[in-house]
Amino acid sequence: MYVIEYNGKINTSLHVLVKERPAIPSPEYDYDTAKIPGRDGDLYIEQKSVKDITITISFTFACRPDRWQGIARAARKWLLEKGDRKLILGDSSDRYYKVKHVVVNQTEREVKEVGEFSADFVCEGRQYIAEGDRPLEISFEKTSDGEKAEIWNQYDESLPVFIISGNGTFGMTVNGSKLEADVPGQITIDTQREVAYKTDMSSANTLVTCNYEELALKPGNNTIIKPEGFSLQIIPKWREL
């Protein structure tokens, strides 16, 4: 039996079944086109970003007629509520898709006991590795430039979350790109969302100076240098096509 997990719930907990494994569209990079005089066709210039994909999943359920509407409503609520928005497919449980939008299509009822419907999950084109949601175990060594660590990324370029603890002026580099911050105990910097916040979730954007895109962890080796007197946690947010 094929299952999915969405918003932290498995479909069978809502008494609905997945009819078949969904087809997964191939992701595609965003690109620009340009025409060059004297050259046939267009020139395609690929960007770093990837287009969204839509994963359509078909569901079915069978129950007593008096329970039919209740199960249908519970399934719609599950799919449309604001949860963690992580879609996990049963045969790839170590990865998930980030869902941006869900459309629940009409529920068909050909007989009183059976219902069928589908849902369209609009997702980021890349898959995220579940292990990448946990802080890395990092060993920093002292150098003349500060405390240094090397991080190996075996996946695509990722946009990590940095959690900085300490007090005072903090400055670090990621592959030579600078981040500076005034740290009032602890701040979290989410490079994908391009936001910084304190432990009480209030904004710390004005306390941080950086180019978020330049703080990405590139495929291969990445060098992090930070000052002494501060602790640094890195949640890498590993991802791949």
Protein backbone atom coordinates (compact mmCIF):
# COMPACT_ATOMS: atom_id res chain seq x y z
CA MET A 1 0.00 0.00 0.00
CA TYR A 2 1.42 3.36 -1.06
CA VAL A 3 1.28 6.18 1.49
CA ILE A 4 2.18 9.85 1.65
CA GLU A 5 2.76 12.22 4.55
CA TYR A 6 1.71 15.85 4.42
CA ASN A 7 1.58 18.44 7.19
CA GLY A 8 2.89 15.78 9.55
CA LYS A 9 -0.01 13.35 8.94
CA ILE A 10 -0.10 10.11 6.95
CA ASN A 11 -3.06 9.74 4.58
CA THR A 12 -4.28 6.52 6.23
CA SER A 13 -4.81 8.37 9.52
CA LEU A 14 -7.58 10.28 7.69
CA HIS A 15 -9.08 6.99 6.36
CA VAL A 16 -8.14 7.80 2.76
CA LEU A 17 -5.93 5.72 0.46
CA VAL A 18 -3.58 6.74 -2.33
CA LYS A 19 -4.79 5.08 -5.54
CA GLU A 20 -1.34 4.85 -7.17
CA ARG A 21 2.14 6.25 -6.95
CA PRO A 22 2.05 9.77 -8.42
CA ALA A 23 4.07 10.70 -11.49
CA ILE A 24 6.79 13.21 -10.59
CA PRO A 25 7.48 15.87 -13.24
CA SER A 26 11.10 16.46 -14.15
CA PRO A 27 12.35 19.78 -12.73
CA GLU A 28 13.57 22.47 -15.09
CA TYR A 29 15.91 25.38 -14.52
CA ASP A 30 14.63 28.88 -15.14
CA TYR A 31 16.26 30.39 -18.19
CA ASP A 32 16.46 33.49 -20.34
CA THR A 33 16.65 33.46 -24.12
CA ALA A 34 18.59 35.74 -26.40
CA LYS A 35 18.97 36.04 -30.14
CA ILE A 36 22.42 36.43 -31.69
CA PRO A 37 22.56 37.90 -35.19
CA GLY A 38 23.74 35.36 -37.70
CA ARG A 39 23.07 32.39 -35.41
CA ASP A 40 20.21 29.94 -35.90
CA GLY A 41 17.73 29.63 -33.06
CA ASP A 42 17.82 31.13 -29.58
CA LEU A 43 20.59 31.10 -27.00
CA TYR A 44 19.36 29.61 -23.70
CA ILE A 45 20.92 31.03 -20.55
CA GLU A 46 20.16 28.88 -17.50
CA GLN A 47 19.65 30.51 -14.10
CA LYS A 48 20.33 29.02 -10.66
CA SER A 49 16.62 28.90 -9.83
CA VAL A 50 14.35 25.97 -10.68
CA LYS A 51 10.74 26.14 -11.86
CA ASP A 52 7.94 24.88 -9.63
CA ILE A 53 6.46 21.45 -10.34
CA THR A 54 2.92 20.17 -9.78
CA ILE A 55 2.45 16.69 -8.29
CA THR A 56 -1.07 15.32 -8.68
CA ILE A 57 -2.11 12.60 -6.22
CA SER A 58 -5.35 10.62 -6.50
CA PHE A 59 -7.12 9.45 -3.34
CA THR A 60 -10.01 7.15 -2.56
CA PHE A 61 -11.96 6.10 0.51
CA ALA A 62 -14.77 3.70 1.39
CA CYS A 63 -17.06 4.00 4.39
CA ARG A 64 -20.65 3.86 5.60
CA PRO A 65 -22.81 6.45 3.80
CA ASP A 66 -23.37 8.39 7.05
CA ARG A 67 -19.58 8.90 7.43
CA TRP A 68 -18.89 9.88 3.82
CA GLN A 69 -19.18 13.67 4.20
CA GLY A 70 -17.18 13.68 7.43
CA ILE A 71 -14.22 11.86 5.89
CA ALA A 72 -14.33 14.11 2.80
CA ARG A 73 -14.31 17.24 4.98
CA ALA A 74 -11.46 15.96 7.18
CA ALA A 75 -9.36 15.15 4.09
CA ARG A 76 -9.91 18.62 2.61
CA LYS A 77 -8.99 20.25 5.92
CA TRP A 78 -5.80 18.17 6.13
CA LEU A 79 -4.69 19.18 2.65
CA LEU A 80 -5.63 22.87 2.89
CA GLU A 81 -4.55 23.74 6.43
CA LYS A 82 -1.36 25.69 7.13
CA GLY A 83 1.03 23.11 8.53
CA ASP A 84 4.67 22.33 7.84
CA ARG A 85 3.87 22.10 4.08
CA LYS A 86 6.21 19.10 3.68
CA LEU A 87 5.11 16.42 1.20
CA ILE A 88 6.83 13.07 1.82
CA LEU A 89 6.32 10.22 -0.64
CA GLY A 90 6.23 6.71 0.80
CA ASP A 91 9.09 5.35 -1.27
CA SER A 92 11.35 8.36 -0.60
CA SER A 93 10.87 8.88 3.12
CA ASP A 94 14.30 10.50 3.56
CA ARG A 95 13.31 13.43 1.31
CA TYR A 96 10.44 15.87 1.03
CA TYR A 97 9.02 18.52 -1.26
CA LYS A 98 8.24 22.04 -0.04
CA VAL A 99 4.63 22.72 -1.02
CA LYS A 100 3.63 26.24 -1.99
CA HIS A 101 -0.05 25.68 -2.81
CA VAL A 102 -2.61 22.87 -2.84
CA VAL A 103 -5.73 22.56 -4.97
CA VAL A 104 -8.22 19.89 -3.88
CA ASN A 105 -10.34 18.85 -6.84
CA GLN A 106 -13.98 17.79 -6.79
CA THR A 107 -14.85 14.65 -4.82
CA GLU A 108 -16.66 12.09 -6.97
CA ARG A 109 -19.29 9.76 -5.49
CA GLU A 110 -20.36 7.12 -7.97
CA VAL A 111 -21.71 4.90 -5.19
CA LYS A 112 -22.80 5.85 -1.69
CA GLU A 113 -19.91 4.14 0.11
CA VAL A 114 -16.97 5.26 -2.05
CA GLY A 115 -15.36 8.64 -2.67
CA GLU A 116 -12.58 9.62 -5.04
CA PHE A 117 -10.71 12.91 -5.42
CA SER A 118 -7.33 14.26 -6.42
CA ALA A 119 -5.11 17.04 -5.11
CA ASP A 120 -2.58 19.14 -7.00
CA PHE A 121 0.51 19.96 -4.93
CA VAL A 122 2.47 22.92 -6.34
CA CYS A 123 6.01 22.38 -5.05
CA GLU A 124 9.48 23.80 -5.32
CA GLY A 125 11.29 21.88 -8.05
CA ARG A 126 14.02 20.59 -5.74
CA GLN A 127 13.68 17.86 -3.14
CA TYR A 128 14.95 18.56 0.38
CA ILE A 129 16.94 15.99 2.33
CA ALA A 130 15.36 15.38 5.75
CA GLU A 131 18.78 15.06 7.38
CA GLY A 132 19.51 18.63 6.26
CA ASP A 133 16.92 19.98 8.70
CA ARG A 134 19.18 19.08 11.63
CA PRO A 135 22.21 21.11 12.76
CA LEU A 136 25.54 19.90 11.43
CA GLU A 137 28.16 18.52 13.76
CA ILE A 138 31.02 20.95 13.13
CA SER A 139 34.53 21.06 14.54
CA PHE A 140 36.16 24.48 14.42
CA GLU A 141 39.93 24.84 14.62
CA LYS A 142 41.76 27.98 15.63
CA THR A 143 43.66 29.82 12.91
CA SER A 144 45.24 33.26 12.56
CA ASP A 145 41.99 34.44 10.89
CA GLY A 146 39.65 33.04 13.55
CA GLU A 147 37.94 29.69 14.05
CA LYS A 148 37.68 27.72 10.81
CA ALA A 149 35.57 24.75 9.68
CA GLU A 150 35.18 22.89 6.40
CA ILE A 151 31.75 21.64 5.28
CA TRP A 152 31.28 19.18 2.42
CA ASN A 153 28.09 19.49 0.35
CA GLN A 154 27.35 16.41 -1.77
CA TYR A 155 24.08 17.88 -3.08
CA ASP A 156 23.02 21.00 -5.02
CA GLU A 157 23.67 24.52 -3.78
CA SER A 158 21.76 25.00 -0.52
CA LEU A 159 20.58 28.03 1.43
CA PRO A 160 21.32 27.32 5.10
CA VAL A 161 20.04 28.63 8.40
CA PHE A 162 22.68 30.08 10.76
CA ILE A 163 22.04 30.25 14.53
CA ILE A 164 24.55 32.57 16.23
CA SER A 165 24.84 32.69 20.03
CA GLY A 166 26.85 35.25 21.98
CA ASN A 167 26.90 38.97 22.68
CA GLY A 168 28.50 41.72 20.66
CA THR A 169 29.71 42.30 17.13
CA PHE A 170 29.96 39.11 15.09
CA GLY A 171 31.62 38.69 11.72
CA MET A 172 32.05 35.52 9.69
CA THR A 173 32.76 34.48 6.13
CA VAL A 174 31.29 31.70 4.00
CA ASN A 175 33.66 30.95 1.13
CA GLY A 176 34.96 34.49 1.48
CA SER A 177 31.52 36.19 1.54
CA LYS A 178 31.00 38.31 4.65
CA LEU A 179 28.20 38.35 7.22
CA GLU A 180 28.23 40.90 10.03
CA ALA A 181 25.75 41.05 12.91
CA ASP A 182 25.15 42.67 16.29
CA VAL A 183 24.16 39.67 18.41
CA PRO A 184 21.98 40.31 21.49
CA GLY A 185 22.29 36.80 22.93
CA GLN A 186 21.10 34.83 19.91
CA ILE A 187 19.87 35.47 16.39
CA THR A 188 18.79 33.15 13.59
CA ILE A 189 19.56 33.99 9.96
CA ASP A 190 17.49 32.20 7.29
CA THR A 191 19.28 32.73 3.99
CA GLN A 192 16.49 31.32 1.81
CA ARG A 193 13.79 33.55 3.30
CA GLU A 194 16.33 36.40 3.65
CA VAL A 195 15.24 37.20 7.20
CA ALA A 196 16.86 37.35 10.63
CA TYR A 197 15.05 37.03 13.96
CA LYS A 198 15.67 36.83 17.71
CA THR A 199 14.65 34.04 20.09
CA ASP A 200 11.27 35.73 20.67
CA MET A 201 10.75 35.68 16.86
CA SER A 202 10.95 39.48 16.62
CA SER A 203 12.81 40.83 13.59
CA ALA A 204 16.58 41.20 13.68
CA ASN A 205 16.95 42.25 10.04
CA THR A 206 18.46 45.61 10.97
CA LEU A 207 21.14 43.85 13.04
CA VAL A 208 22.50 41.89 10.07
CA THR A 209 24.53 43.01 7.06
CA CYS A 210 25.12 40.48 4.28
CA ASN A 211 24.21 39.32 0.80
CA TYR A 212 22.05 36.29 1.59
CA GLU A 213 22.61 34.59 -1.77
CA GLU A 214 26.38 34.69 -1.29
CA LEU A 215 26.07 32.69 1.96
CA ALA A 216 24.93 29.57 0.08
CA LEU A 217 26.69 26.24 0.62
CA LYS A 218 28.00 25.31 -2.81
CA PRO A 219 28.49 21.74 -4.06
CA GLY A 220 31.81 20.43 -2.80
CA ASN A 221 33.93 22.00 -0.08
CA ASN A 222 32.82 25.13 1.84
CA THR A 223 34.99 27.14 4.24
CA ILE A 224 33.43 28.87 7.27
CA ILE A 225 35.46 31.30 9.41
CA LYS A 226 34.02 32.86 12.58
CA PRO A 227 35.38 34.77 15.58
CA GLU A 228 36.10 33.24 18.97
CA GLY A 229 33.58 33.82 21.75
CA PHE A 230 30.50 32.93 19.68
CA SER A 231 28.87 29.60 18.99
CA LEU A 232 27.52 28.86 15.53
CA GLN A 233 25.01 26.22 14.48
CA ILE A 234 24.38 25.55 10.79
CA ILE A 235 21.22 23.86 9.51
CA PRO A 236 22.29 23.13 5.93
CA LYS A 237 18.91 22.57 4.23
CA TRP A 238 20.42 20.11 1.77
CA ARG A 239 18.50 19.81 -1.48
CA GLU A 240 18.80 18.29 -4.95
CA LEU A 241 16.90 17.90 -8.20
